[in-house]
PDB file of N, CA and C in Angstrom:
ATOM      1  N   MET A   1       0.844  -1.174   0.000  1.00  0.00           N
ATOM      2  CA  MET A   1       0.000   0.000   0.000  1.00  0.00           C
ATOM      3  C   MET A   1       0.893   1.242   0.000  1.00  0.00           C
ATOM      4  N   GLN A   2       0.497   2.235  -0.793  1.00  0.00           N
ATOM      5  CA  GLN A   2       1.271   3.463  -0.901  1.00  0.00           C
ATOM      6  C   GLN A   2       1.101   4.343   0.342  1.00  0.00           C
ATOM      7  N   THR A   3       2.173   5.037   0.688  1.00  0.00           N
ATOM      8  CA  THR A   3       2.114   5.977   1.796  1.00  0.00           C
ATOM      9  C   THR A   3       1.468   7.282   1.336  1.00  0.00           C
ATOM     10  N   THR A   4       1.127   8.123   2.289  1.00  0.00           N
ATOM     11  CA  THR A   4       0.580   9.438   1.960  1.00  0.00           C
ATOM     12  C   THR A   4       1.581  10.229   1.127  1.00  0.00           C
ATOM     13  N   GLN A   5       2.850  10.167   1.483  1.00  0.00           N
ATOM     14  CA  GLN A   5       3.885  10.878   0.717  1.00  0.00           C
ATOM     15  C   GLN A   5       3.935  10.383  -0.727  1.00  0.00           C
ATOM     16  N   GLN A   6       3.876   9.074  -0.934  1.00  0.00           N
ATOM     17  CA  GLN A   6       3.922   8.523  -2.287  1.00  0.00           C
ATOM     18  C   GLN A   6       2.704   8.961  -3.102  1.00  0.00           C
ATOM     19  N   ILE A   7       1.545   8.969  -2.472  1.00  0.00           N
ATOM     20  CA  ILE A   7       0.331   9.404  -3.177  1.00  0.00           C
ATOM     21  C   ILE A   7       0.429  10.882  -3.518  1.00  0.00           C
ATOM     22  N   ALA A   8       0.907  11.691  -2.571  1.00  0.00           N
ATOM     23  CA  ALA A   8       1.064  13.123  -2.814  1.00  0.00           C
ATOM     24  C   ALA A   8       2.044  13.368  -3.954  1.00  0.00           C
ATOM     25  N   ASP A   9       3.159  12.685  -3.944  1.00  0.00           N
ATOM     26  CA  ASP A   9       4.156  12.844  -5.003  1.00  0.00           C
ATOM     27  C   ASP A   9       3.601  12.418  -6.362  1.00  0.00           C
ATOM     28  N   ARG A  10       2.839  11.356  -6.381  1.00  0.00           N
ATOM     29  CA  ARG A  10       2.249  10.869  -7.636  1.00  0.00           C
ATOM     30  C   ARG A  10       1.218  11.864  -8.163  1.00  0.00           C
ATOM     31  N   LEU A  11       0.396  12.421  -7.272  1.00  0.00           N
ATOM     32  CA  LEU A  11      -0.593  13.411  -7.682  1.00  0.00           C
ATOM     33  C   LEU A  11       0.102  14.615  -8.314  1.00  0.00           C
ATOM     34  N   VAL A  12       1.137  15.113  -7.665  1.00  0.00           N
ATOM     35  CA  VAL A  12       1.879  16.254  -8.196  1.00  0.00           C
ATOM     36  C   VAL A  12       2.469  15.909  -9.569  1.00  0.00           C
ATOM     37  N   ALA A  13       3.082  14.751  -9.682  1.00  0.00           N
ATOM     38  CA  ALA A  13       3.697  14.349 -10.949  1.00  0.00           C
ATOM     39  C   ALA A  13       2.663  14.293 -12.074  1.00  0.00           C
ATOM     40  N   LEU A  14       1.523  13.662 -11.822  1.00  0.00           N
ATOM     41  CA  LEU A  14       0.489  13.553 -12.852  1.00  0.00           C
ATOM     42  C   LEU A  14      -0.075  14.919 -13.221  1.00  0.00           C
ATOM     43  N   CYS A  15      -0.329  15.764 -12.237  1.00  0.00           N
ATOM     44  CA  CYS A  15      -0.875  17.093 -12.523  1.00  0.00           C
ATOM     45  C   CYS A  15       0.118  17.944 -13.304  1.00  0.00           C
ATOM     46  N   ARG A  16       1.398  17.819 -13.001  1.00  0.00           N
ATOM     47  CA  ARG A  16       2.409  18.574 -13.745  1.00  0.00           C
ATOM     48  C   ARG A  16       2.511  18.110 -15.193  1.00  0.00           C
ATOM     49  N   GLU A  17       2.063  16.890 -15.465  1.00  0.00           N
ATOM     50  CA  GLU A  17       2.034  16.365 -16.836  1.00  0.00           C
ATOM     51  C   GLU A  17       0.672  16.595 -17.486  1.00  0.00           C
ATOM     52  N   ASP A  18      -0.189  17.409 -16.833  1.00  0.00           N
ATOM     53  CA  ASP A  18      -1.553  17.681 -17.311  1.00  0.00           C
ATOM     54  C   ASP A  18      -2.381  16.402 -17.433  1.00  0.00           C
ATOM     55  N   LYS A  19      -2.173  15.475 -16.515  1.00  0.00           N
ATOM     56  CA  LYS A  19      -2.922  14.220 -16.487  1.00  0.00           C
ATOM     57  C   LYS A  19      -3.830  14.180 -15.261  1.00  0.00           C
ATOM     58  N   ASN A  20      -4.564  15.285 -15.056  1.00  0.00           N
ATOM     59  CA  ASN A  20      -5.425  15.414 -13.886  1.00  0.00           C
ATOM     60  C   ASN A  20      -6.509  14.340 -13.833  1.00  0.00           C
ATOM     61  N   LEU A  21      -7.068  13.991 -14.978  1.00  0.00           N
ATOM     62  CA  LEU A  21      -8.118  12.971 -14.993  1.00  0.00           C
ATOM     63  C   LEU A  21      -7.552  11.599 -14.648  1.00  0.00           C
ATOM     64  N   ASP A  22      -6.344  11.300 -15.136  1.00  0.00           N
ATOM     65  CA  ASP A  22      -5.687  10.039 -14.775  1.00  0.00           C
ATOM     66  C   ASP A  22      -5.426   9.984 -13.280  1.00  0.00           C
ATOM     67  N   CYS A  23      -5.103  11.130 -12.714  1.00  0.00           N
ATOM     68  CA  CYS A  23      -4.841  11.238 -11.280  1.00  0.00           C
ATOM     69  C   CYS A  23      -6.069  10.781 -10.495  1.00  0.00           C
ATOM     70  N   ILE A  24      -7.229  11.267 -10.880  1.00  0.00           N
ATOM     71  CA  ILE A  24      -8.461  10.903 -10.173  1.00  0.00           C
ATOM     72  C   ILE A  24      -8.745   9.413 -10.335  1.00  0.00           C
ATOM     73  N   LYS A  25      -8.618   8.914 -11.533  1.00  0.00           N
ATOM     74  CA  LYS A  25      -8.877   7.495 -11.789  1.00  0.00           C
ATOM     75  C   LYS A  25      -7.946   6.592 -10.995  1.00  0.00           C
ATOM     76  N   GLU A  26      -6.690   6.995 -10.866  1.00  0.00           N
ATOM     77  CA  GLU A  26      -5.674   6.163 -10.223  1.00  0.00           C
ATOM     78  C   GLU A  26      -5.631   6.307  -8.705  1.00  0.00           C
ATOM     79  N   LEU A  27      -5.775   7.526  -8.206  1.00  0.00           N
ATOM     80  CA  LEU A  27      -5.464   7.782  -6.803  1.00  0.00           C
ATOM     81  C   LEU A  27      -6.675   7.946  -5.885  1.00  0.00           C
ATOM     82  N   TYR A  28      -7.840   8.219  -6.438  1.00  0.00           N
ATOM     83  CA  TYR A  28      -9.015   8.478  -5.606  1.00  0.00           C
ATOM     84  C   TYR A  28      -9.781   7.195  -5.290  1.00  0.00           C
ATOM     85  N   ALA A  29     -10.297   7.124  -4.063  1.00  0.00           N
ATOM     86  CA  ALA A  29     -11.174   6.023  -3.668  1.00  0.00           C
ATOM     87  C   ALA A  29     -12.506   6.165  -4.409  1.00  0.00           C
ATOM     88  N   GLU A  30     -13.170   5.068  -4.607  1.00  0.00           N
ATOM     89  CA  GLU A  30     -14.450   5.079  -5.327  1.00  0.00           C
ATOM     90  C   GLU A  30     -15.476   5.971  -4.635  1.00  0.00           C
ATOM     91  N   ASP A  31     -15.436   6.029  -3.311  1.00  0.00           N
ATOM     92  CA  ASP A  31     -16.416   6.812  -2.552  1.00  0.00           C
ATOM     93  C   ASP A  31     -15.835   8.131  -2.024  1.00  0.00           C
ATOM     94  N   ALA A  32     -14.812   8.664  -2.686  1.00  0.00           N
ATOM     95  CA  ALA A  32     -14.175   9.916  -2.261  1.00  0.00           C
ATOM     96  C   ALA A  32     -15.163  11.079  -2.312  1.00  0.00           C
ATOM     97  N   ILE A  33     -14.836  12.132  -1.556  1.00  0.00           N
ATOM     98  CA  ILE A  33     -15.655  13.341  -1.502  1.00  0.00           C
ATOM     99  C   ILE A  33     -14.770  14.533  -1.856  1.00  0.00           C
ATOM    100  N   SER A  34     -15.302  15.425  -2.695  1.00  0.00           N
ATOM    101  CA  SER A  34     -14.574  16.625  -3.097  1.00  0.00           C
ATOM    102  C   SER A  34     -15.414  17.852  -2.753  1.00  0.00           C
ATOM    103  N   THR A  35     -14.794  18.815  -2.043  1.00  0.00           N
ATOM    104  CA  THR A  35     -15.489  20.038  -1.635  1.00  0.00           C
ATOM    105  C   THR A  35     -14.788  21.236  -2.253  1.00  0.00           C
ATOM    106  N   GLU A  36     -15.600  22.085  -2.904  1.00  0.00           N
ATOM    107  CA  GLU A  36     -15.057  23.275  -3.564  1.00  0.00           C
ATOM    108  C   GLU A  36     -16.155  24.323  -3.629  1.00  0.00           C
ATOM    109  N   SER A  37     -15.873  25.510  -3.146  1.00  0.00           N
ATOM    110  CA  SER A  37     -16.856  26.606  -3.171  1.00  0.00           C
ATOM    111  C   SER A  37     -18.209  26.185  -2.615  1.00  0.00           C
ATOM    112  N   ASN A  38     -18.200  25.550  -1.478  1.00  0.00           N
ATOM    113  CA  ASN A  38     -19.429  25.105  -0.816  1.00  0.00           C
ATOM    114  C   ASN A  38     -20.231  24.099  -1.623  1.00  0.00           C
ATOM    115  N   THR A  39     -19.598  23.471  -2.596  1.00  0.00           N
ATOM    116  CA  THR A  39     -20.225  22.415  -3.388  1.00  0.00           C
ATOM    117  C   THR A  39     -19.503  21.119  -3.094  1.00  0.00           C
ATOM    118  N   VAL A  40     -20.274  20.072  -2.819  1.00  0.00           N
ATOM    119  CA  VAL A  40     -19.693  18.775  -2.513  1.00  0.00           C
ATOM    120  C   VAL A  40     -20.069  17.789  -3.608  1.00  0.00           C
ATOM    121  N   LYS A  41     -19.060  17.097  -4.111  1.00  0.00           N
ATOM    122  CA  LYS A  41     -19.269  16.016  -5.073  1.00  0.00           C
ATOM    123  C   LYS A  41     -18.858  14.721  -4.387  1.00  0.00           C
ATOM    124  N   ALA A  42     -19.746  13.749  -4.383  1.00  0.00           N
ATOM    125  CA  ALA A  42     -19.472  12.467  -3.751  1.00  0.00           C
ATOM    126  C   ALA A  42     -19.302  11.392  -4.811  1.00  0.00           C
ATOM    127  N   GLY A  43     -18.234  10.609  -4.677  1.00  0.00           N
ATOM    128  CA  GLY A  43     -17.969   9.520  -5.600  1.00  0.00           C
ATOM    129  C   GLY A  43     -16.959   9.912  -6.656  1.00  0.00           C
ATOM    130  N   ARG A  44     -16.044   8.981  -6.936  1.00  0.00           N
ATOM    131  CA  ARG A  44     -14.980   9.234  -7.914  1.00  0.00           C
ATOM    132  C   ARG A  44     -15.541   9.631  -9.274  1.00  0.00           C
ATOM    133  N   ASP A  45     -16.609   8.991  -9.726  1.00  0.00           N
ATOM    134  CA  ASP A  45     -17.167   9.321 -11.038  1.00  0.00           C
ATOM    135  C   ASP A  45     -17.677  10.758 -11.089  1.00  0.00           C
ATOM    136  N   ASN A  46     -18.295  11.233 -10.002  1.00  0.00           N
ATOM    137  CA  ASN A  46     -18.777  12.616  -9.960  1.00  0.00           C
ATOM    138  C   ASN A  46     -17.627  13.609  -9.885  1.00  0.00           C
ATOM    139  N   ILE A  47     -16.569  13.248  -9.165  1.00  0.00           N
ATOM    140  CA  ILE A  47     -15.383  14.100  -9.097  1.00  0.00           C
ATOM    141  C   ILE A  47     -14.716  14.170 -10.474  1.00  0.00           C
ATOM    142  N   LEU A  48     -14.658  13.047 -11.138  1.00  0.00           N
ATOM    143  CA  LEU A  48     -14.099  13.004 -12.491  1.00  0.00           C
ATOM    144  C   LEU A  48     -14.916  13.892 -13.426  1.00  0.00           C
ATOM    145  N   GLN A  49     -16.229  13.813 -13.346  1.00  0.00           N
ATOM    146  CA  GLN A  49     -17.089  14.627 -14.213  1.00  0.00           C
ATOM    147  C   GLN A  49     -16.932  16.109 -13.901  1.00  0.00           C
ATOM    148  N   LYS A  50     -16.778  16.463 -12.623  1.00  0.00           N
ATOM    149  CA  LYS A  50     -16.550  17.860 -12.240  1.00  0.00           C
ATOM    150  C   LYS A  50     -15.301  18.394 -12.937  1.00  0.00           C
ATOM    151  N   ASN A  51     -14.246  17.586 -12.974  1.00  0.00           N
ATOM    152  CA  ASN A  51     -12.999  18.002 -13.610  1.00  0.00           C
ATOM    153  C   ASN A  51     -13.122  18.061 -15.128  1.00  0.00           C
ATOM    154  N   ILE A  52     -13.849  17.133 -15.713  1.00  0.00           N
ATOM    155  CA  ILE A  52     -14.103  17.174 -17.159  1.00  0.00           C
ATOM    156  C   ILE A  52     -14.843  18.457 -17.506  1.00  0.00           C
ATOM    157  N   ASN A  53     -15.843  18.818 -16.692  1.00  0.00           N
ATOM    158  CA  ASN A  53     -16.601  20.052 -16.928  1.00  0.00           C
ATOM    159  C   ASN A  53     -15.687  21.277 -16.841  1.00  0.00           C
ATOM    160  N   TRP A  54     -14.758  21.273 -15.871  1.00  0.00           N
ATOM    161  CA  TRP A  54     -13.837  22.398 -15.743  1.00  0.00           C
ATOM    162  C   TRP A  54     -12.968  22.503 -16.999  1.00  0.00           C
ATOM    163  N   PHE A  55     -12.387  21.380 -17.427  1.00  0.00           N
ATOM    164  CA  PHE A  55     -11.545  21.411 -18.630  1.00  0.00           C
ATOM    165  C   PHE A  55     -12.341  21.875 -19.846  1.00  0.00           C
ATOM    166  N   ASP A  56     -13.614  21.466 -19.930  1.00  0.00           N
ATOM    167  CA  ASP A  56     -14.460  21.889 -21.050  1.00  0.00           C
ATOM    168  C   ASP A  56     -14.729  23.388 -21.034  1.00  0.00           C
ATOM    169  N   SER A  57     -14.645  24.020 -19.849  1.00  0.00           N
ATOM    170  CA  SER A  57     -14.898  25.459 -19.734  1.00  0.00           C
ATOM    171  C   SER A  57     -13.678  26.299 -20.125  1.00  0.00           C
ATOM    172  N   VAL A  58     -12.534  25.654 -20.286  1.00  0.00           N
ATOM    173  CA  VAL A  58     -11.292  26.359 -20.575  1.00  0.00           C
ATOM    174  C   VAL A  58     -11.066  26.448 -22.082  1.00  0.00           C
ATOM    175  N   GLU A  59     -10.824  27.674 -22.529  1.00  0.00           N
ATOM    176  CA  GLU A  59     -10.469  27.875 -23.931  1.00  0.00           C
ATOM    177  C   GLU A  59      -8.980  27.631 -24.136  1.00  0.00           C
ATOM    178  N   THR A  60      -8.145  28.259 -23.278  1.00  0.00           N
ATOM    179  CA  THR A  60      -6.691  28.110 -23.360  1.00  0.00           C
ATOM    180  C   THR A  60      -6.123  28.020 -21.951  1.00  0.00           C
ATOM    181  N   LEU A  61      -5.316  27.014 -21.712  1.00  0.00           N
ATOM    182  CA  LEU A  61      -4.603  26.880 -20.446  1.00  0.00           C
ATOM    183  C   LEU A  61      -3.192  27.400 -20.686  1.00  0.00           C
ATOM    184  N   HIS A  62      -2.896  28.590 -20.157  1.00  0.00           N
ATOM    185  CA  HIS A  62      -1.624  29.249 -20.417  1.00  0.00           C
ATOM    186  C   HIS A  62      -0.499  28.663 -19.566  1.00  0.00           C
ATOM    187  N   SER A  63      -0.777  28.441 -18.287  1.00  0.00           N
ATOM    188  CA  SER A  63       0.243  27.840 -17.420  1.00  0.00           C
ATOM    189  C   SER A  63      -0.399  27.309 -16.150  1.00  0.00           C
ATOM    190  N   THR A  64       0.264  26.309 -15.603  1.00  0.00           N
ATOM    191  CA  THR A  64      -0.138  25.728 -14.327  1.00  0.00           C
ATOM    192  C   THR A  64       1.126  25.481 -13.528  1.00  0.00           C
ATOM    193  N   VAL A  65       1.136  25.967 -12.301  1.00  0.00           N
ATOM    194  CA  VAL A  65       2.273  25.752 -11.412  1.00  0.00           C
ATOM    195  C   VAL A  65       1.754  25.055 -10.165  1.00  0.00           C
ATOM    196  N   ILE A  66       2.349  23.907  -9.850  1.00  0.00           N
ATOM    197  CA  ILE A  66       1.920  23.110  -8.698  1.00  0.00           C
ATOM    198  C   ILE A  66       3.106  22.968  -7.758  1.00  0.00           C
ATOM    199  N   SER A  67       2.874  23.270  -6.488  1.00  0.00           N
ATOM    200  CA  SER A  67       3.943  23.212  -5.499  1.00  0.00           C
ATOM    201  C   SER A  67       4.275  21.772  -5.128  1.00  0.00           C
ATOM    202  N   GLU A  68       5.354  21.630  -4.400  1.00  0.00           N
ATOM    203  CA  GLU A  68       5.648  20.347  -3.774  1.00  0.00           C
ATOM    204  C   GLU A  68       4.633  20.148  -2.642  1.00  0.00           C
ATOM    205  N   PRO A  69       4.250  18.920  -2.356  1.00  0.00           N
ATOM    206  CA  PRO A  69       3.265  18.696  -1.294  1.00  0.00           C
ATOM    207  C   PRO A  69       3.876  18.836   0.096  1.00  0.00           C
ATOM    208  N   ILE A  70       3.051  19.267   1.032  1.00  0.00           N
ATOM    209  CA  ILE A  70       3.386  19.260   2.451  1.00  0.00           C
ATOM    210  C   ILE A  70       2.575  18.115   3.050  1.00  0.00           C
ATOM    211  N   VAL A  71       3.246  17.165   3.680  1.00  0.00           N
ATOM    212  CA  VAL A  71       2.599  15.950   4.173  1.00  0.00           C
ATOM    213  C   VAL A  71       2.718  15.861   5.684  1.00  0.00           C
ATOM    214  N   THR A  72       1.612  15.513   6.321  1.00  0.00           N
ATOM    215  CA  THR A  72       1.612  15.192   7.742  1.00  0.00           C
ATOM    216  C   THR A  72       0.565  14.129   7.995  1.00  0.00           C
ATOM    217  N   GLY A  73       0.971  13.041   8.616  1.00  0.00           N
ATOM    218  CA  GLY A  73       0.032  11.954   8.880  1.00  0.00           C
ATOM    219  C   GLY A  73      -0.623  11.477   7.601  1.00  0.00           C
ATOM    220  N   ASN A  74      -1.947  11.455   7.595  1.00  0.00           N
ATOM    221  CA  ASN A  74      -2.656  11.001   6.398  1.00  0.00           C
ATOM    222  C   ASN A  74      -3.247  12.175   5.606  1.00  0.00           C
ATOM    223  N   PHE A  75      -2.650  13.371   5.781  1.00  0.00           N
ATOM    224  CA  PHE A  75      -3.082  14.548   5.029  1.00  0.00           C
ATOM    225  C   PHE A  75      -1.910  15.114   4.235  1.00  0.00           C
ATOM    226  N   PHE A  76      -2.237  15.763   3.121  1.00  0.00           N
ATOM    227  CA  PHE A  76      -1.240  16.568   2.425  1.00  0.00           C
ATOM    228  C   PHE A  76      -1.924  17.770   1.797  1.00  0.00           C
ATOM    229  N   ALA A  77      -1.121  18.804   1.556  1.00  0.00           N
ATOM    230  CA  ALA A  77      -1.624  20.033   0.955  1.00  0.00           C
ATOM    231  C   ALA A  77      -0.645  20.494  -0.111  1.00  0.00           C
ATOM    232  N   LEU A  78      -1.169  21.229  -1.085  1.00  0.00           N
ATOM    233  CA  LEU A  78      -0.336  21.808  -2.128  1.00  0.00           C
ATOM    234  C   LEU A  78      -1.031  23.026  -2.694  1.00  0.00           C
ATOM    235  N   THR A  79      -0.253  23.862  -3.357  1.00  0.00           N
ATOM    236  CA  THR A  79      -0.834  25.030  -4.006  1.00  0.00           C
ATOM    237  C   THR A  79      -0.814  24.834  -5.518  1.00  0.00           C
ATOM    238  N   MET A  80      -1.776  25.478  -6.179  1.00  0.00           N
ATOM    239  CA  MET A  80      -1.877  25.448  -7.630  1.00  0.00           C
ATOM    240  C   MET A  80      -2.167  26.851  -8.133  1.00  0.00           C
ATOM    241  N   ASP A  81      -1.362  27.333  -9.055  1.00  0.00           N
ATOM    242  CA  ASP A  81      -1.598  28.606  -9.719  1.00  0.00           C
ATOM    243  C   ASP A  81      -1.954  28.292 -11.166  1.00  0.00           C
ATOM    244  N   ILE A  82      -3.145  28.696 -11.580  1.00  0.00           N
ATOM    245  CA  ILE A  82      -3.646  28.353 -12.910  1.00  0.00           C
ATOM    246  C   ILE A  82      -3.965  29.630 -13.665  1.00  0.00           C
ATOM    247  N   ASP A  83      -3.279  29.847 -14.776  1.00  0.00           N
ATOM    248  CA  ASP A  83      -3.526  30.975 -15.668  1.00  0.00           C
ATOM    249  C   ASP A  83      -4.260  30.418 -16.876  1.00  0.00           C
ATOM    250  N   ALA A  84      -5.535  30.794 -17.003  1.00  0.00           N
ATOM    251  CA  ALA A  84      -6.349  30.218 -18.069  1.00  0.00           C
ATOM    252  C   ALA A  84      -7.287  31.264 -18.659  1.00  0.00           C
ATOM    253  N   THR A  85      -7.626  31.058 -19.919  1.00  0.00           N
ATOM    254  CA  THR A  85      -8.689  31.822 -20.556  1.00  0.00           C
ATOM    255  C   THR A  85      -9.899  30.898 -20.634  1.00  0.00           C
ATOM    256  N   TYR A  86     -10.979  31.368 -20.033  1.00  0.00           N
ATOM    257  CA  TYR A  86     -12.215  30.585 -19.983  1.00  0.00           C
ATOM    258  C   TYR A  86     -13.157  31.033 -21.097  1.00  0.00           C
ATOM    259  N   LYS A  87     -13.913  30.107 -21.623  1.00  0.00           N
ATOM    260  CA  LYS A  87     -14.804  30.381 -22.744  1.00  0.00           C
ATOM    261  C   LYS A  87     -15.805  31.476 -22.415  1.00  0.00           C
ATOM    262  N   GLN A  88     -16.306  31.516 -21.182  1.00  0.00           N
ATOM    263  CA  GLN A  88     -17.333  32.491 -20.843  1.00  0.00           C
ATOM    264  C   GLN A  88     -16.844  33.652 -19.982  1.00  0.00           C
ATOM    265  N   HIS A  89     -15.640  33.557 -19.424  1.00  0.00           N
ATOM    266  CA  HIS A  89     -15.222  34.571 -18.455  1.00  0.00           C
ATOM    267  C   HIS A  89     -13.916  35.276 -18.812  1.00  0.00           C
ATOM    268  N   GLY A  90     -13.278  34.882 -19.888  1.00  0.00           N
ATOM    269  CA  GLY A  90     -12.015  35.501 -20.260  1.00  0.00           C
ATOM    270  C   GLY A  90     -10.847  34.945 -19.454  1.00  0.00           C
ATOM    271  N   ARG A  91      -9.757  35.670 -19.499  1.00  0.00           N
ATOM    272  CA  ARG A  91      -8.514  35.204 -18.883  1.00  0.00           C
ATOM    273  C   ARG A  91      -8.363  35.733 -17.460  1.00  0.00           C
ATOM    274  N   PHE A  92      -7.981  34.834 -16.555  1.00  0.00           N
ATOM    275  CA  PHE A  92      -7.615  35.258 -15.205  1.00  0.00           C
ATOM    276  C   PHE A  92      -6.768  34.185 -14.541  1.00  0.00           C
ATOM    277  N   MET A  93      -6.084  34.619 -13.483  1.00  0.00           N
ATOM    278  CA  MET A  93      -5.214  33.744 -12.689  1.00  0.00           C
ATOM    279  C   MET A  93      -5.996  33.271 -11.474  1.00  0.00           C
ATOM    280  N   MET A  94      -5.978  31.976 -11.253  1.00  0.00           N
ATOM    281  CA  MET A  94      -6.602  31.404 -10.067  1.00  0.00           C
ATOM    282  C   MET A  94      -5.498  30.785  -9.221  1.00  0.00           C
ATOM    283  N   ARG A  95      -5.466  31.161  -7.960  1.00  0.00           N
ATOM    284  CA  ARG A  95      -4.504  30.595  -7.013  1.00  0.00           C
ATOM    285  C   ARG A  95      -5.296  29.854  -5.958  1.00  0.00           C
ATOM    286  N   GLU A  96      -4.953  28.583  -5.764  1.00  0.00           N
ATOM    287  CA  GLU A  96      -5.703  27.797  -4.795  1.00  0.00           C
ATOM    288  C   GLU A  96      -4.791  26.894  -3.982  1.00  0.00           C
ATOM    289  N   ILE A  97      -5.330  26.466  -2.855  1.00  0.00           N
ATOM    290  CA  ILE A  97      -4.662  25.465  -2.040  1.00  0.00           C
ATOM    291  C   ILE A  97      -5.614  24.279  -1.947  1.00  0.00           C
ATOM    292  N   GLY A  98      -5.060  23.096  -2.112  1.00  0.00           N
ATOM    293  CA  GLY A  98      -5.843  21.876  -1.997  1.00  0.00           C
ATOM    294  C   GLY A  98      -5.361  21.073  -0.793  1.00  0.00           C
ATOM    295  N   VAL A  99      -6.304  20.572  -0.021  1.00  0.00           N
ATOM    296  CA  VAL A  99      -5.995  19.735   1.139  1.00  0.00           C
ATOM    297  C   VAL A  99      -6.623  18.368   0.880  1.00  0.00           C
ATOM    298  N   TYR A 100      -5.819  17.330   1.028  1.00  0.00           N
ATOM    299  CA  TYR A 100      -6.233  15.969   0.685  1.00  0.00           C
ATOM    300  C   TYR A 100      -6.095  15.059   1.904  1.00  0.00           C
ATOM    301  N   GLU A 101      -7.011  14.099   2.014  1.00  0.00           N
ATOM    302  CA  GLU A 101      -6.932  13.089   3.070  1.00  0.00           C
ATOM    303  C   GLU A 101      -6.801  11.718   2.414  1.00  0.00           C
ATOM    304  N   VAL A 102      -5.915  10.901   2.969  1.00  0.00           N
ATOM    305  CA  VAL A 102      -5.623   9.573   2.418  1.00  0.00           C
ATOM    306  C   VAL A 102      -5.993   8.511   3.452  1.00  0.00           C
ATOM    307  N   LYS A 103      -6.596   7.435   2.971  1.00  0.00           N
ATOM    308  CA  LYS A 103      -6.909   6.288   3.827  1.00  0.00           C
ATOM    309  C   LYS A 103      -6.775   5.021   2.983  1.00  0.00           C
ATOM    310  N   ASP A 104      -6.124   4.034   3.536  1.00  0.00           N
ATOM    311  CA  ASP A 104      -5.959   2.743   2.847  1.00  0.00           C
ATOM    312  C   ASP A 104      -5.376   2.904   1.446  1.00  0.00           C
ATOM    313  N   GLY A 105      -4.428   3.833   1.303  1.00  0.00           N
ATOM    314  CA  GLY A 105      -3.721   3.988   0.037  1.00  0.00           C
ATOM    315  C   GLY A 105      -4.464   4.727  -1.050  1.00  0.00           C
ATOM    316  N   LYS A 106      -5.563   5.407  -0.715  1.00  0.00           N
ATOM    317  CA  LYS A 106      -6.335   6.173  -1.696  1.00  0.00           C
ATOM    318  C   LYS A 106      -6.736   7.515  -1.109  1.00  0.00           C
ATOM    319  N   ILE A 107      -6.935   8.499  -1.961  1.00  0.00           N
ATOM    320  CA  ILE A 107      -7.453   9.792  -1.537  1.00  0.00           C
ATOM    321  C   ILE A 107      -8.944   9.614  -1.264  1.00  0.00           C
ATOM    322  N   ILE A 108      -9.353   9.963  -0.035  1.00  0.00           N
ATOM    323  CA  ILE A 108     -10.775   9.817   0.315  1.00  0.00           C
ATOM    324  C   ILE A 108     -11.494  11.164   0.340  1.00  0.00           C
ATOM    325  N   SER A 109     -10.732  12.259   0.410  1.00  0.00           N
ATOM    326  CA  SER A 109     -11.370  13.569   0.339  1.00  0.00           C
ATOM    327  C   SER A 109     -10.370  14.616  -0.120  1.00  0.00           C
ATOM    328  N   ASP A 110     -10.927  15.645  -0.747  1.00  0.00           N
ATOM    329  CA  ASP A 110     -10.139  16.825  -1.073  1.00  0.00           C
ATOM    330  C   ASP A 110     -10.998  18.045  -0.809  1.00  0.00           C
ATOM    331  N   GLN A 111     -10.345  19.164  -0.572  1.00  0.00           N
ATOM    332  CA  GLN A 111     -11.051  20.418  -0.386  1.00  0.00           C
ATOM    333  C   GLN A 111     -10.171  21.525  -0.935  1.00  0.00           C
ATOM    334  N   PHE A 112     -10.785  22.428  -1.699  1.00  0.00           N
ATOM    335  CA  PHE A 112     -10.047  23.489  -2.380  1.00  0.00           C
ATOM    336  C   PHE A 112     -10.491  24.856  -1.882  1.00  0.00           C
ATOM    337  N   PHE A 113      -9.499  25.725  -1.654  1.00  0.00           N
ATOM    338  CA  PHE A 113      -9.736  27.085  -1.202  1.00  0.00           C
ATOM    339  C   PHE A 113      -9.033  28.021  -2.183  1.00  0.00           C
ATOM    340  N   TYR A 114      -9.740  29.068  -2.649  1.00  0.00           N
ATOM    341  CA  TYR A 114      -9.122  29.971  -3.619  1.00  0.00           C
ATOM    342  C   TYR A 114      -9.819  31.316  -3.665  1.00  0.00           C
ATOM    343  N   ASN A 115      -9.088  32.289  -4.163  1.00  0.00           N
ATOM    344  CA  ASN A 115      -9.597  33.607  -4.538  1.00  0.00           C
ATOM    345  C   ASN A 115      -9.289  33.792  -6.006  1.00  0.00           C
ATOM    346  N   MET A 116     -10.169  34.486  -6.706  1.00  0.00           N
ATOM    347  CA  MET A 116      -9.933  34.742  -8.116  1.00  0.00           C
ATOM    348  C   MET A 116      -9.807  36.223  -8.369  1.00  0.00           C
TER     349      MET A 116
END
């Protein structure tokens, strides 16, 4: 079974390769929960669809910078800076922090905090 550090490192590696959807398929538990802007998505398939919808809203992804993870116990956190032009909202920089919880070698929850 993978450690929290190994899962965090793998998530960062996949996201830096723009393989965010593969990350969810590989690292998330089937019954994981994702919280963002007071919206909760339950289940890996719903989390995957949330991310597909986000990618579909992007016209151009100019850059993405992902920090190294900070790990403690079964939690890790990282920052993401995303410069994107959105189909309906134009171009802006989004800076967020993601906090993840790991259990039995899988991500069981994530929560994102950001200002735009």
